[in-house]
Amino acid sequence: MLEPTSERGKRLAALSQQLRALHSALADESADMRQEQLRDCVMREVSRLAPQEREPFLSELIAHFPVWSDGGNHAAEPPATRPAPAAVSAPLPRDPASLAEALIGACTTLGAPERAAIATRLAAAGLTASREVVKEVVREVPSAGGVQGVPAQALNELKRMVGASAEGGEPRADRIVELCTLLSEFVLKLEPWACSYWKDIAPDAKNQIYRSLDKEVPRFLSGDEAVNKEALARSILRLRSLVSLLLKGVMDAGKQFGKDHVARFNPDAVQGAAEKPTFTQPQGVQNWKQYVKLMDGYDAAGIEKRLKGLIAKDVDSGLSQVIR
């Protein structure tokens, strides 16, 4: 056991006291809620340690919690040799922490039945964070080989999102970082291209998407409260919507342009719009004259403008459903 005057000893003592106070404060909550709050408290403290220090720290933390059934790690003396309790000459302390220490000291002279009765009463009041409770909390806190500082809920959400099965084991911390690096590179390099293409296609669109993730992601990682998970998710949703709508717009614009082109230059349509034949201008000549008329201004620039217009209309309409 470390000396309470050492830096590590002070941290252990402070954390154990914090866990006791938190367990007492959450007495009216469900067991799952208490477990989650206690685990988060331990994880915050452990995350400040070097990886090689975490497992010993957690083991020593457990030792700070007495096993009430055996009198706080001290073997009970036989009843015949057990000294009588000393008279209390000084007033009892008023603060809960000192009272708890006094109670633990007093229980060393009691037999197992008396200690069990006291432990039962304390547990019923929600005042005992027993060694079993702390062991369960510590078991859920990743040590040097786990994913340090990552809540179980976040890990489960990641596994669900990527379709990882329970049989595949827990995600590795180094692989999570590598995955984040690859996906960040993809998103941060995609955003400027997508925004540039959209501005080129529809400079006057009602809904414009501007580059922002290259500034928001670093702020999110540094803990900027103004850029939380919800704010970052909205920016990513806008980018994802823009890219998917652009792809869909290209497909739909191609189909629509094809229909328009066939309807305009279909032989029957050309002949139907052409002038009637004359003695000197047979039907074939009239059809050709009509075709030439239809092709007036129908060049590469006109086709590109028409396609962009079709894409812009479809994408801008879709973005109106996303950006509100």
C-alpha atoms as a PDB file:
ATOM      1  CA  MET A   1       0.000   0.000   0.000  1.00  0.00           C
ATOM      2  CA  LEU A   2       1.336   3.426  -0.915  1.00  0.00           C
ATOM      3  CA  GLU A   3       1.830   6.061   1.735  1.00  0.00           C
ATOM      4  CA  PRO A   4      -1.082   8.529   1.810  1.00  0.00           C
ATOM      5  CA  THR A   5       1.455  11.341   1.695  1.00  0.00           C
ATOM      6  CA  SER A   6       2.741  10.324  -1.762  1.00  0.00           C
ATOM      7  CA  GLU A   7       1.198  11.810  -4.878  1.00  0.00           C
ATOM      8  CA  ARG A   8      -0.213   8.459  -5.975  1.00  0.00           C
ATOM      9  CA  GLY A   9      -1.456   7.701  -2.479  1.00  0.00           C
ATOM     10  CA  LYS A  10      -3.263  11.024  -2.352  1.00  0.00           C
ATOM     11  CA  ARG A  11      -4.898  10.345  -5.716  1.00  0.00           C
ATOM     12  CA  LEU A  12      -6.033   6.897  -4.594  1.00  0.00           C
ATOM     13  CA  ALA A  13      -7.433   8.254  -1.336  1.00  0.00           C
ATOM     14  CA  ALA A  14      -9.224  11.100  -3.091  1.00  0.00           C
ATOM     15  CA  LEU A  15     -10.725   8.785  -5.705  1.00  0.00           C
ATOM     16  CA  SER A  16     -11.909   6.226  -3.160  1.00  0.00           C
ATOM     17  CA  GLN A  17     -13.578   8.992  -1.147  1.00  0.00           C
ATOM     18  CA  GLN A  18     -15.153  10.376  -4.301  1.00  0.00           C
ATOM     19  CA  LEU A  19     -16.526   6.943  -5.194  1.00  0.00           C
ATOM     20  CA  ARG A  20     -18.059   6.562  -1.735  1.00  0.00           C
ATOM     21  CA  ALA A  21     -19.677   9.984  -1.929  1.00  0.00           C
ATOM     22  CA  LEU A  22     -20.954   9.349  -5.452  1.00  0.00           C
ATOM     23  CA  HIS A  23     -22.378   5.964  -4.493  1.00  0.00           C
ATOM     24  CA  SER A  24     -24.211   7.581  -1.593  1.00  0.00           C
ATOM     25  CA  ALA A  25     -25.541  10.437  -3.758  1.00  0.00           C
ATOM     26  CA  LEU A  26     -26.928   7.941  -6.278  1.00  0.00           C
ATOM     27  CA  ALA A  27     -28.650   5.787  -3.688  1.00  0.00           C
ATOM     28  CA  ASP A  28     -32.084   6.404  -5.219  1.00  0.00           C
ATOM     29  CA  GLU A  29     -30.943   5.644  -8.773  1.00  0.00           C
ATOM     30  CA  SER A  30     -30.929   2.271 -10.502  1.00  0.00           C
ATOM     31  CA  ALA A  31     -27.992  -0.088 -10.126  1.00  0.00           C
ATOM     32  CA  ASP A  32     -27.071   0.397 -13.792  1.00  0.00           C
ATOM     33  CA  MET A  33     -27.014   4.171 -13.375  1.00  0.00           C
ATOM     34  CA  ARG A  34     -24.783   3.940 -10.293  1.00  0.00           C
ATOM     35  CA  GLN A  35     -22.483   1.506 -12.068  1.00  0.00           C
ATOM     36  CA  GLU A  36     -22.128   3.790 -15.092  1.00  0.00           C
ATOM     37  CA  GLN A  37     -21.431   6.901 -13.011  1.00  0.00           C
ATOM     38  CA  LEU A  38     -18.853   5.124 -10.856  1.00  0.00           C
ATOM     39  CA  ARG A  39     -17.147   3.673 -13.933  1.00  0.00           C
ATOM     40  CA  ASP A  40     -16.936   7.083 -15.612  1.00  0.00           C
ATOM     41  CA  CYS A  41     -15.441   8.555 -12.447  1.00  0.00           C
ATOM     42  CA  VAL A  42     -12.724   5.885 -12.370  1.00  0.00           C
ATOM     43  CA  MET A  43     -12.032   6.185 -16.108  1.00  0.00           C
ATOM     44  CA  ARG A  44     -11.493   9.938 -15.861  1.00  0.00           C
ATOM     45  CA  GLU A  45      -8.845   9.423 -13.207  1.00  0.00           C
ATOM     46  CA  VAL A  46      -7.176   6.457 -14.907  1.00  0.00           C
ATOM     47  CA  SER A  47      -6.962   8.307 -18.240  1.00  0.00           C
ATOM     48  CA  ARG A  48      -4.452  10.696 -16.638  1.00  0.00           C
ATOM     49  CA  LEU A  49      -2.025   7.837 -15.917  1.00  0.00           C
ATOM     50  CA  ALA A  50       0.596   6.299 -18.155  1.00  0.00           C
ATOM     51  CA  PRO A  51      -0.539   2.950 -19.646  1.00  0.00           C
ATOM     52  CA  GLN A  52       1.879   0.901 -17.507  1.00  0.00           C
ATOM     53  CA  GLU A  53       0.577   2.534 -14.310  1.00  0.00           C
ATOM     54  CA  ARG A  54      -3.118   1.862 -14.854  1.00  0.00           C
ATOM     55  CA  GLU A  55      -3.450  -1.775 -13.840  1.00  0.00           C
ATOM     56  CA  PRO A  56      -1.491  -1.383 -10.562  1.00  0.00           C
ATOM     57  CA  PHE A  57      -3.508   1.746  -9.799  1.00  0.00           C
ATOM     58  CA  LEU A  58      -6.806  -0.108 -10.265  1.00  0.00           C
ATOM     59  CA  SER A  59      -5.623  -2.985  -8.082  1.00  0.00           C
ATOM     60  CA  GLU A  60      -4.616  -0.591  -5.308  1.00  0.00           C
ATOM     61  CA  LEU A  61      -7.929   1.229  -5.659  1.00  0.00           C
ATOM     62  CA  ILE A  62      -9.818  -1.979  -4.848  1.00  0.00           C
ATOM     63  CA  ALA A  63      -7.688  -2.387  -1.712  1.00  0.00           C
ATOM     64  CA  HIS A  64      -9.026   0.963  -0.430  1.00  0.00           C
ATOM     65  CA  PHE A  65     -12.464  -0.606   0.012  1.00  0.00           C
ATOM     66  CA  PRO A  66     -12.975  -2.870   3.034  1.00  0.00           C
ATOM     67  CA  VAL A  67     -14.596  -6.267   2.886  1.00  0.00           C
ATOM     68  CA  TRP A  68     -17.237  -5.843   5.568  1.00  0.00           C
ATOM     69  CA  SER A  69     -17.670  -9.563   6.044  1.00  0.00           C
ATOM     70  CA  ASP A  70     -14.078  -9.898   7.332  1.00  0.00           C
ATOM     71  CA  GLY A  71     -13.849  -6.570   9.173  1.00  0.00           C
ATOM     72  CA  GLY A  72     -11.923  -4.481   6.646  1.00  0.00           C
ATOM     73  CA  ASN A  73      -9.166  -6.952   5.691  1.00  0.00           C
ATOM     74  CA  HIS A  74      -8.284  -7.581   9.344  1.00  0.00           C
ATOM     75  CA  ALA A  75      -8.940 -11.024  10.721  1.00  0.00           C
ATOM     76  CA  ALA A  76     -11.283 -10.887  13.704  1.00  0.00           C
ATOM     77  CA  GLU A  77      -9.766 -11.944  16.980  1.00  0.00           C
ATOM     78  CA  PRO A  78     -11.398 -14.747  18.931  1.00  0.00           C
ATOM     79  CA  PRO A  79     -14.192 -13.455  21.183  1.00  0.00           C
ATOM     80  CA  ALA A  80     -12.289 -14.502  24.334  1.00  0.00           C
ATOM     81  CA  THR A  81      -9.265 -12.347  23.542  1.00  0.00           C
ATOM     82  CA  ARG A  82     -11.109  -9.449  21.917  1.00  0.00           C
ATOM     83  CA  PRO A  83     -10.565  -6.273  23.956  1.00  0.00           C
ATOM     84  CA  ALA A  84     -13.535  -4.339  25.204  1.00  0.00           C
ATOM     85  CA  PRO A  85     -14.382  -1.187  23.280  1.00  0.00           C
ATOM     86  CA  ALA A  86     -12.709   1.888  24.719  1.00  0.00           C
ATOM     87  CA  ALA A  87     -14.880   4.591  26.094  1.00  0.00           C
ATOM     88  CA  VAL A  88     -15.381   7.529  23.798  1.00  0.00           C
ATOM     89  CA  SER A  89     -14.139  10.586  25.544  1.00  0.00           C
ATOM     90  CA  ALA A  90     -13.966  12.936  22.557  1.00  0.00           C
ATOM     91  CA  PRO A  91     -17.039  14.138  20.657  1.00  0.00           C
ATOM     92  CA  LEU A  92     -17.860  12.257  17.478  1.00  0.00           C
ATOM     93  CA  PRO A  93     -16.806  13.948  14.234  1.00  0.00           C
ATOM     94  CA  ARG A  94     -19.555  15.617  12.278  1.00  0.00           C
ATOM     95  CA  ASP A  95     -18.351  15.255   8.703  1.00  0.00           C
ATOM     96  CA  PRO A  96     -19.404  12.034   6.867  1.00  0.00           C
ATOM     97  CA  ALA A  97     -15.852  11.048   5.866  1.00  0.00           C
ATOM     98  CA  SER A  98     -14.566  11.119   9.456  1.00  0.00           C
ATOM     99  CA  LEU A  99     -17.659   9.286  10.665  1.00  0.00           C
ATOM    100  CA  ALA A 100     -17.027   6.571   8.088  1.00  0.00           C
ATOM    101  CA  GLU A 101     -13.421   6.153   9.247  1.00  0.00           C
ATOM    102  CA  ALA A 102     -14.578   6.014  12.862  1.00  0.00           C
ATOM    103  CA  LEU A 103     -17.166   3.369  11.987  1.00  0.00           C
ATOM    104  CA  ILE A 104     -14.561   1.229  10.206  1.00  0.00           C
ATOM    105  CA  GLY A 105     -12.258   1.471  13.213  1.00  0.00           C
ATOM    106  CA  ALA A 106     -15.045   0.531  15.593  1.00  0.00           C
ATOM    107  CA  CYS A 107     -16.034  -2.481  13.498  1.00  0.00           C
ATOM    108  CA  THR A 108     -12.619  -4.127  13.894  1.00  0.00           C
ATOM    109  CA  THR A 109     -13.633  -5.200  17.390  1.00  0.00           C
ATOM    110  CA  LEU A 110     -16.976  -6.668  16.350  1.00  0.00           C
ATOM    111  CA  GLY A 111     -17.763 -10.215  15.396  1.00  0.00           C
ATOM    112  CA  ALA A 112     -18.904 -11.319  11.944  1.00  0.00           C
ATOM    113  CA  PRO A 113     -22.662 -11.247  12.748  1.00  0.00           C
ATOM    114  CA  GLU A 114     -22.500  -7.679  14.075  1.00  0.00           C
ATOM    115  CA  ARG A 115     -20.457  -6.498  11.074  1.00  0.00           C
ATOM    116  CA  ALA A 116     -22.882  -8.206   8.683  1.00  0.00           C
ATOM    117  CA  ALA A 117     -25.846  -6.478  10.357  1.00  0.00           C
ATOM    118  CA  ILE A 118     -24.177  -3.060  10.045  1.00  0.00           C
ATOM    119  CA  ALA A 119     -23.219  -3.711   6.429  1.00  0.00           C
ATOM    120  CA  THR A 120     -26.803  -4.696   5.653  1.00  0.00           C
ATOM    121  CA  ARG A 121     -28.174  -1.485   7.160  1.00  0.00           C
ATOM    122  CA  LEU A 122     -25.650   0.659   5.280  1.00  0.00           C
ATOM    123  CA  ALA A 123     -26.380  -1.137   2.006  1.00  0.00           C
ATOM    124  CA  ALA A 124     -30.121  -0.636   2.486  1.00  0.00           C
ATOM    125  CA  ALA A 125     -29.461   3.105   2.821  1.00  0.00           C
ATOM    126  CA  GLY A 126     -27.298   3.110  -0.302  1.00  0.00           C
ATOM    127  CA  LEU A 127     -24.233   4.184   1.699  1.00  0.00           C
ATOM    128  CA  THR A 128     -21.824   1.352   0.968  1.00  0.00           C
ATOM    129  CA  ALA A 129     -19.735   1.188  -2.157  1.00  0.00           C
ATOM    130  CA  SER A 130     -18.543  -2.295  -1.341  1.00  0.00           C
ATOM    131  CA  ARG A 131     -15.418  -3.933  -2.683  1.00  0.00           C
ATOM    132  CA  GLU A 132     -17.643  -6.053  -4.933  1.00  0.00           C
ATOM    133  CA  VAL A 133     -19.168  -2.905  -6.462  1.00  0.00           C
ATOM    134  CA  VAL A 134     -15.750  -1.319  -7.028  1.00  0.00           C
ATOM    135  CA  LYS A 135     -14.377  -4.544  -8.479  1.00  0.00           C
ATOM    136  CA  GLU A 136     -17.229  -4.596 -10.984  1.00  0.00           C
ATOM    137  CA  VAL A 137     -16.569  -0.957 -11.898  1.00  0.00           C
ATOM    138  CA  VAL A 138     -12.826  -1.543 -12.268  1.00  0.00           C
ATOM    139  CA  ARG A 139     -13.457  -4.617 -14.415  1.00  0.00           C
ATOM    140  CA  GLU A 140     -15.240  -2.387 -16.946  1.00  0.00           C
ATOM    141  CA  VAL A 141     -12.410   0.179 -17.005  1.00  0.00           C
ATOM    142  CA  PRO A 142      -9.873  -0.688 -19.746  1.00  0.00           C
ATOM    143  CA  SER A 143      -6.292  -1.002 -18.489  1.00  0.00           C
ATOM    144  CA  ALA A 144      -3.106  -0.684 -20.528  1.00  0.00           C
ATOM    145  CA  GLY A 145      -4.225  -3.127 -23.223  1.00  0.00           C
ATOM    146  CA  GLY A 146      -7.765  -1.774 -23.632  1.00  0.00           C
ATOM    147  CA  VAL A 147      -9.392   1.269 -25.159  1.00  0.00           C
ATOM    148  CA  GLN A 148      -8.511   3.773 -22.485  1.00  0.00           C
ATOM    149  CA  GLY A 149     -10.965   6.572 -21.785  1.00  0.00           C
ATOM    150  CA  VAL A 150     -13.595   5.389 -24.282  1.00  0.00           C
ATOM    151  CA  PRO A 151     -17.028   4.775 -22.702  1.00  0.00           C
ATOM    152  CA  ALA A 152     -18.582   1.380 -23.357  1.00  0.00           C
ATOM    153  CA  GLN A 153     -21.599   3.050 -24.980  1.00  0.00           C
ATOM    154  CA  ALA A 154     -19.377   4.784 -27.550  1.00  0.00           C
ATOM    155  CA  LEU A 155     -17.570   1.516 -28.331  1.00  0.00           C
ATOM    156  CA  ASN A 156     -20.872  -0.307 -28.775  1.00  0.00           C
ATOM    157  CA  GLU A 157     -22.105   2.438 -31.088  1.00  0.00           C
ATOM    158  CA  LEU A 158     -18.945   2.146 -33.184  1.00  0.00           C
ATOM    159  CA  LYS A 159     -19.258  -1.648 -33.379  1.00  0.00           C
ATOM    160  CA  ARG A 160     -22.902  -1.358 -34.397  1.00  0.00           C
ATOM    161  CA  MET A 161     -22.131   1.245 -37.050  1.00  0.00           C
ATOM    162  CA  VAL A 162     -19.374  -0.817 -38.706  1.00  0.00           C
ATOM    163  CA  GLY A 163     -21.210  -4.119 -38.261  1.00  0.00           C
ATOM    164  CA  ALA A 164     -18.649  -5.682 -35.921  1.00  0.00           C
ATOM    165  CA  SER A 165     -19.892  -8.903 -34.335  1.00  0.00           C
ATOM    166  CA  ALA A 166     -19.601  -9.673 -30.649  1.00  0.00           C
ATOM    167  CA  GLU A 167     -17.425 -12.696 -31.479  1.00  0.00           C
ATOM    168  CA  GLY A 168     -14.833 -10.416 -33.058  1.00  0.00           C
ATOM    169  CA  GLY A 169     -13.635  -9.126 -29.694  1.00  0.00           C
ATOM    170  CA  GLU A 170     -13.228  -5.568 -28.456  1.00  0.00           C
ATOM    171  CA  PRO A 171     -11.896  -2.942 -30.883  1.00  0.00           C
ATOM    172  CA  ARG A 172      -8.192  -2.213 -30.538  1.00  0.00           C
ATOM    173  CA  ALA A 173      -7.207   1.332 -29.628  1.00  0.00           C
ATOM    174  CA  ASP A 174      -4.553   1.550 -32.355  1.00  0.00           C
ATOM    175  CA  ARG A 175      -6.999   0.324 -34.990  1.00  0.00           C
ATOM    176  CA  ILE A 176      -9.630   2.847 -33.891  1.00  0.00           C
ATOM    177  CA  VAL A 177      -7.105   5.654 -34.316  1.00  0.00           C
ATOM    178  CA  GLU A 178      -6.007   4.324 -37.719  1.00  0.00           C
ATOM    179  CA  LEU A 179      -9.635   4.066 -38.836  1.00  0.00           C
ATOM    180  CA  CYS A 180     -10.322   7.631 -37.691  1.00  0.00           C
ATOM    181  CA  THR A 181      -7.233   8.819 -39.579  1.00  0.00           C
ATOM    182  CA  LEU A 182      -8.300   7.171 -42.831  1.00  0.00           C
ATOM    183  CA  LEU A 183     -11.907   8.341 -42.592  1.00  0.00           C
ATOM    184  CA  SER A 184     -10.839  11.859 -41.627  1.00  0.00           C
ATOM    185  CA  GLU A 185      -8.550  12.024 -44.650  1.00  0.00           C
ATOM    186  CA  PHE A 186     -11.395  10.860 -46.889  1.00  0.00           C
ATOM    187  CA  VAL A 187     -13.905  13.377 -45.517  1.00  0.00           C
ATOM    188  CA  LEU A 188     -11.538  16.357 -45.309  1.00  0.00           C
ATOM    189  CA  LYS A 189     -10.290  15.854 -48.869  1.00  0.00           C
ATOM    190  CA  LEU A 190     -13.765  15.169 -50.250  1.00  0.00           C
ATOM    191  CA  GLU A 191     -15.440  18.260 -48.793  1.00  0.00           C
ATOM    192  CA  PRO A 192     -13.567  20.973 -50.782  1.00  0.00           C
ATOM    193  CA  TRP A 193     -14.078  19.104 -54.065  1.00  0.00           C
ATOM    194  CA  ALA A 194     -17.794  18.545 -53.442  1.00  0.00           C
ATOM    195  CA  CYS A 195     -18.383  22.174 -52.419  1.00  0.00           C
ATOM    196  CA  SER A 196     -16.439  23.443 -55.435  1.00  0.00           C
ATOM    197  CA  TYR A 197     -18.359  21.221 -57.878  1.00  0.00           C
ATOM    198  CA  TRP A 198     -21.682  22.315 -56.402  1.00  0.00           C
ATOM    199  CA  LYS A 199     -20.805  26.015 -56.679  1.00  0.00           C
ATOM    200  CA  ASP A 200     -19.738  25.493 -60.305  1.00  0.00           C
ATOM    201  CA  ILE A 201     -22.928  23.635 -61.180  1.00  0.00           C
ATOM    202  CA  ALA A 202     -25.318  25.989 -59.404  1.00  0.00           C
ATOM    203  CA  PRO A 203     -23.720  29.335 -58.406  1.00  0.00           C
ATOM    204  CA  ASP A 204     -27.161  30.831 -57.777  1.00  0.00           C
ATOM    205  CA  ALA A 205     -28.624  27.890 -55.869  1.00  0.00           C
ATOM    206  CA  LYS A 206     -30.743  28.642 -52.824  1.00  0.00           C
ATOM    207  CA  ASN A 207     -28.802  26.119 -50.719  1.00  0.00           C
ATOM    208  CA  GLN A 208     -25.032  26.389 -50.823  1.00  0.00           C
ATOM    209  CA  ILE A 209     -22.717  24.090 -48.848  1.00  0.00           C
ATOM    210  CA  TYR A 210     -19.494  25.739 -47.739  1.00  0.00           C
ATOM    211  CA  ARG A 211     -16.268  24.138 -46.553  1.00  0.00           C
ATOM    212  CA  SER A 212     -16.204  23.928 -42.737  1.00  0.00           C
ATOM    213  CA  LEU A 213     -15.023  20.517 -41.532  1.00  0.00           C
ATOM    214  CA  ASP A 214     -11.323  21.343 -41.868  1.00  0.00           C
ATOM    215  CA  LYS A 215     -11.869  23.915 -39.103  1.00  0.00           C
ATOM    216  CA  GLU A 216     -14.489  22.082 -37.046  1.00  0.00           C
ATOM    217  CA  VAL A 217     -12.733  18.705 -36.725  1.00  0.00           C
ATOM    218  CA  PRO A 218      -9.595  20.077 -34.986  1.00  0.00           C
ATOM    219  CA  ARG A 219     -11.779  22.129 -32.633  1.00  0.00           C
ATOM    220  CA  PHE A 220     -13.885  19.054 -31.832  1.00  0.00           C
ATOM    221  CA  LEU A 221     -10.778  16.991 -31.036  1.00  0.00           C
ATOM    222  CA  SER A 222      -9.411  19.704 -28.757  1.00  0.00           C
ATOM    223  CA  GLY A 223     -12.627  19.704 -26.710  1.00  0.00           C
ATOM    224  CA  ASP A 224     -14.129  22.976 -27.924  1.00  0.00           C
ATOM    225  CA  GLU A 225     -17.623  23.045 -26.384  1.00  0.00           C
ATOM    226  CA  ALA A 226     -18.955  25.093 -29.317  1.00  0.00           C
ATOM    227  CA  VAL A 227     -18.237  22.166 -31.659  1.00  0.00           C
ATOM    228  CA  ASN A 228     -19.859  19.182 -29.958  1.00  0.00           C
ATOM    229  CA  LYS A 229     -20.889  15.858 -31.457  1.00  0.00           C
ATOM    230  CA  GLU A 230     -24.259  17.175 -32.640  1.00  0.00           C
ATOM    231  CA  ALA A 231     -22.717  20.204 -34.411  1.00  0.00           C
ATOM    232  CA  LEU A 232     -20.111  18.053 -36.142  1.00  0.00           C
ATOM    233  CA  ALA A 233     -22.772  15.520 -37.127  1.00  0.00           C
ATOM    234  CA  ARG A 234     -24.815  18.266 -38.807  1.00  0.00           C
ATOM    235  CA  SER A 235     -21.843  19.389 -40.917  1.00  0.00           C
ATOM    236  CA  ILE A 236     -21.085  15.803 -41.935  1.00  0.00           C
ATOM    237  CA  LEU A 237     -24.761  15.230 -42.774  1.00  0.00           C
ATOM    238  CA  ARG A 238     -24.738  18.259 -45.084  1.00  0.00           C
ATOM    239  CA  LEU A 239     -21.635  16.973 -46.879  1.00  0.00           C
ATOM    240  CA  ARG A 240     -23.022  13.454 -47.156  1.00  0.00           C
ATOM    241  CA  SER A 241     -26.326  14.785 -48.475  1.00  0.00           C
ATOM    242  CA  LEU A 242     -24.559  16.980 -51.029  1.00  0.00           C
ATOM    243  CA  VAL A 243     -22.418  14.119 -52.365  1.00  0.00           C
ATOM    244  CA  SER A 244     -25.310  11.652 -52.545  1.00  0.00           C
ATOM    245  CA  LEU A 245     -27.612  14.217 -54.176  1.00  0.00           C
ATOM    246  CA  LEU A 246     -24.939  15.132 -56.738  1.00  0.00           C
ATOM    247  CA  LEU A 247     -24.571  11.466 -57.696  1.00  0.00           C
ATOM    248  CA  LYS A 248     -28.325  11.047 -57.880  1.00  0.00           C
ATOM    249  CA  GLY A 249     -28.652  14.337 -59.786  1.00  0.00           C
ATOM    250  CA  VAL A 250     -26.181  13.214 -62.436  1.00  0.00           C
ATOM    251  CA  MET A 251     -28.123  10.000 -63.010  1.00  0.00           C
ATOM    252  CA  ASP A 252     -31.515  11.711 -63.092  1.00  0.00           C
ATOM    253  CA  ALA A 253     -30.243  14.561 -65.295  1.00  0.00           C
ATOM    254  CA  GLY A 254     -28.861  12.048 -67.787  1.00  0.00           C
ATOM    255  CA  LYS A 255     -32.203  10.274 -67.979  1.00  0.00           C
ATOM    256  CA  GLN A 256     -34.146  13.520 -68.348  1.00  0.00           C
ATOM    257  CA  PHE A 257     -31.756  14.882 -70.973  1.00  0.00           C
ATOM    258  CA  GLY A 258     -32.040  11.649 -72.928  1.00  0.00           C
ATOM    259  CA  LYS A 259     -35.838  11.866 -72.928  1.00  0.00           C
ATOM    260  CA  ASP A 260     -35.743  15.524 -74.006  1.00  0.00           C
ATOM    261  CA  HIS A 261     -33.233  14.805 -76.782  1.00  0.00           C
ATOM    262  CA  VAL A 262     -35.200  11.890 -78.202  1.00  0.00           C
ATOM    263  CA  ALA A 263     -38.457  13.836 -78.025  1.00  0.00           C
ATOM    264  CA  ARG A 264     -36.887  16.767 -79.862  1.00  0.00           C
ATOM    265  CA  PHE A 265     -34.946  14.956 -82.580  1.00  0.00           C
ATOM    266  CA  ASN A 266     -37.088  11.876 -83.069  1.00  0.00           C
ATOM    267  CA  PRO A 267     -37.698  11.486 -86.858  1.00  0.00           C
ATOM    268  CA  ASP A 268     -41.457  11.542 -86.374  1.00  0.00           C
ATOM    269  CA  ALA A 269     -41.217  14.689 -84.264  1.00  0.00           C
ATOM    270  CA  VAL A 270     -38.955  16.410 -86.818  1.00  0.00           C
ATOM    271  CA  GLN A 271     -41.209  15.461 -89.710  1.00  0.00           C
ATOM    272  CA  GLY A 272     -44.328  16.491 -87.817  1.00  0.00           C
ATOM    273  CA  ALA A 273     -42.902  19.965 -87.210  1.00  0.00           C
ATOM    274  CA  ALA A 274     -41.469  20.375 -90.732  1.00  0.00           C
ATOM    275  CA  GLU A 275     -43.278  22.256 -93.500  1.00  0.00           C
ATOM    276  CA  LYS A 276     -45.345  20.344 -96.008  1.00  0.00           C
ATOM    277  CA  PRO A 277     -43.537  19.170 -99.130  1.00  0.00           C
ATOM    278  CA  THR A 278     -43.786  21.147-102.375  1.00  0.00           C
ATOM    279  CA  PHE A 279     -42.925  20.404-105.974  1.00  0.00           C
ATOM    280  CA  THR A 280     -39.445  21.833-105.518  1.00  0.00           C
ATOM    281  CA  GLN A 281     -39.043  20.994-101.775  1.00  0.00           C
ATOM    282  CA  PRO A 282     -39.848  17.311-101.116  1.00  0.00           C
ATOM    283  CA  GLN A 283     -40.474  16.039 -97.596  1.00  0.00           C
ATOM    284  CA  GLY A 284     -36.866  15.010 -97.066  1.00  0.00           C
ATOM    285  CA  VAL A 285     -35.646  18.510 -97.744  1.00  0.00           C
ATOM    286  CA  GLN A 286     -38.265  19.989 -95.439  1.00  0.00           C
ATOM    287  CA  ASN A 287     -37.283  17.550 -92.685  1.00  0.00           C
ATOM    288  CA  TRP A 288     -33.644  18.513 -93.044  1.00  0.00           C
ATOM    289  CA  LYS A 289     -34.498  22.202 -92.865  1.00  0.00           C
ATOM    290  CA  GLN A 290     -36.471  21.544 -89.648  1.00  0.00           C
ATOM    291  CA  TYR A 291     -33.581  19.583 -88.152  1.00  0.00           C
ATOM    292  CA  VAL A 292     -31.148  22.424 -88.903  1.00  0.00           C
ATOM    293  CA  LYS A 293     -33.575  24.849 -87.281  1.00  0.00           C
ATOM    294  CA  LEU A 294     -33.770  22.700 -84.129  1.00  0.00           C
ATOM    295  CA  MET A 295     -29.992  22.469 -83.938  1.00  0.00           C
ATOM    296  CA  ASP A 296     -29.573  26.238 -83.911  1.00  0.00           C
ATOM    297  CA  GLY A 297     -27.750  27.079 -80.659  1.00  0.00           C
ATOM    298  CA  TYR A 298     -27.691  23.416 -79.681  1.00  0.00           C
ATOM    299  CA  ASP A 299     -23.919  23.137 -79.194  1.00  0.00           C
ATOM    300  CA  ALA A 300     -21.620  21.688 -76.526  1.00  0.00           C
ATOM    301  CA  ALA A 301     -22.013  24.732 -74.288  1.00  0.00           C
ATOM    302  CA  GLY A 302     -25.795  24.568 -74.582  1.00  0.00           C
ATOM    303  CA  ILE A 303     -25.844  20.862 -73.720  1.00  0.00           C
ATOM    304  CA  GLU A 304     -23.586  21.441 -70.687  1.00  0.00           C
ATOM    305  CA  LYS A 305     -25.800  24.301 -69.505  1.00  0.00           C
ATOM    306  CA  ARG A 306     -28.901  22.164 -69.872  1.00  0.00           C
ATOM    307  CA  LEU A 307     -27.364  19.279 -67.904  1.00  0.00           C
ATOM    308  CA  LYS A 308     -26.141  21.581 -65.127  1.00  0.00           C
ATOM    309  CA  GLY A 309     -29.587  23.126 -64.899  1.00  0.00           C
ATOM    310  CA  LEU A 310     -31.216  19.733 -64.492  1.00  0.00           C
ATOM    311  CA  ILE A 311     -28.692  18.667 -61.838  1.00  0.00           C
ATOM    312  CA  ALA A 312     -28.955  21.957 -59.964  1.00  0.00           C
ATOM    313  CA  LYS A 313     -32.732  21.790 -59.777  1.00  0.00           C
ATOM    314  CA  ASP A 314     -32.742  18.257 -58.413  1.00  0.00           C
ATOM    315  CA  VAL A 315     -29.902  18.776 -55.894  1.00  0.00           C
ATOM    316  CA  ASP A 316     -31.155  22.143 -54.634  1.00  0.00           C
ATOM    317  CA  SER A 317     -34.587  20.647 -54.033  1.00  0.00           C
ATOM    318  CA  GLY A 318     -33.066  17.770 -52.075  1.00  0.00           C
ATOM    319  CA  LEU A 319     -30.863  20.066 -49.988  1.00  0.00           C
ATOM    320  CA  SER A 320     -33.919  22.065 -48.972  1.00  0.00           C
ATOM    321  CA  GLN A 321     -35.080  18.944 -47.114  1.00  0.00           C
ATOM    322  CA  VAL A 322     -31.729  18.653 -45.281  1.00  0.00           C
ATOM    323  CA  ILE A 323     -30.855  22.283 -44.488  1.00  0.00           C
ATOM    324  CA  ARG A 324     -33.550  23.797 -42.322  1.00  0.00           C
END
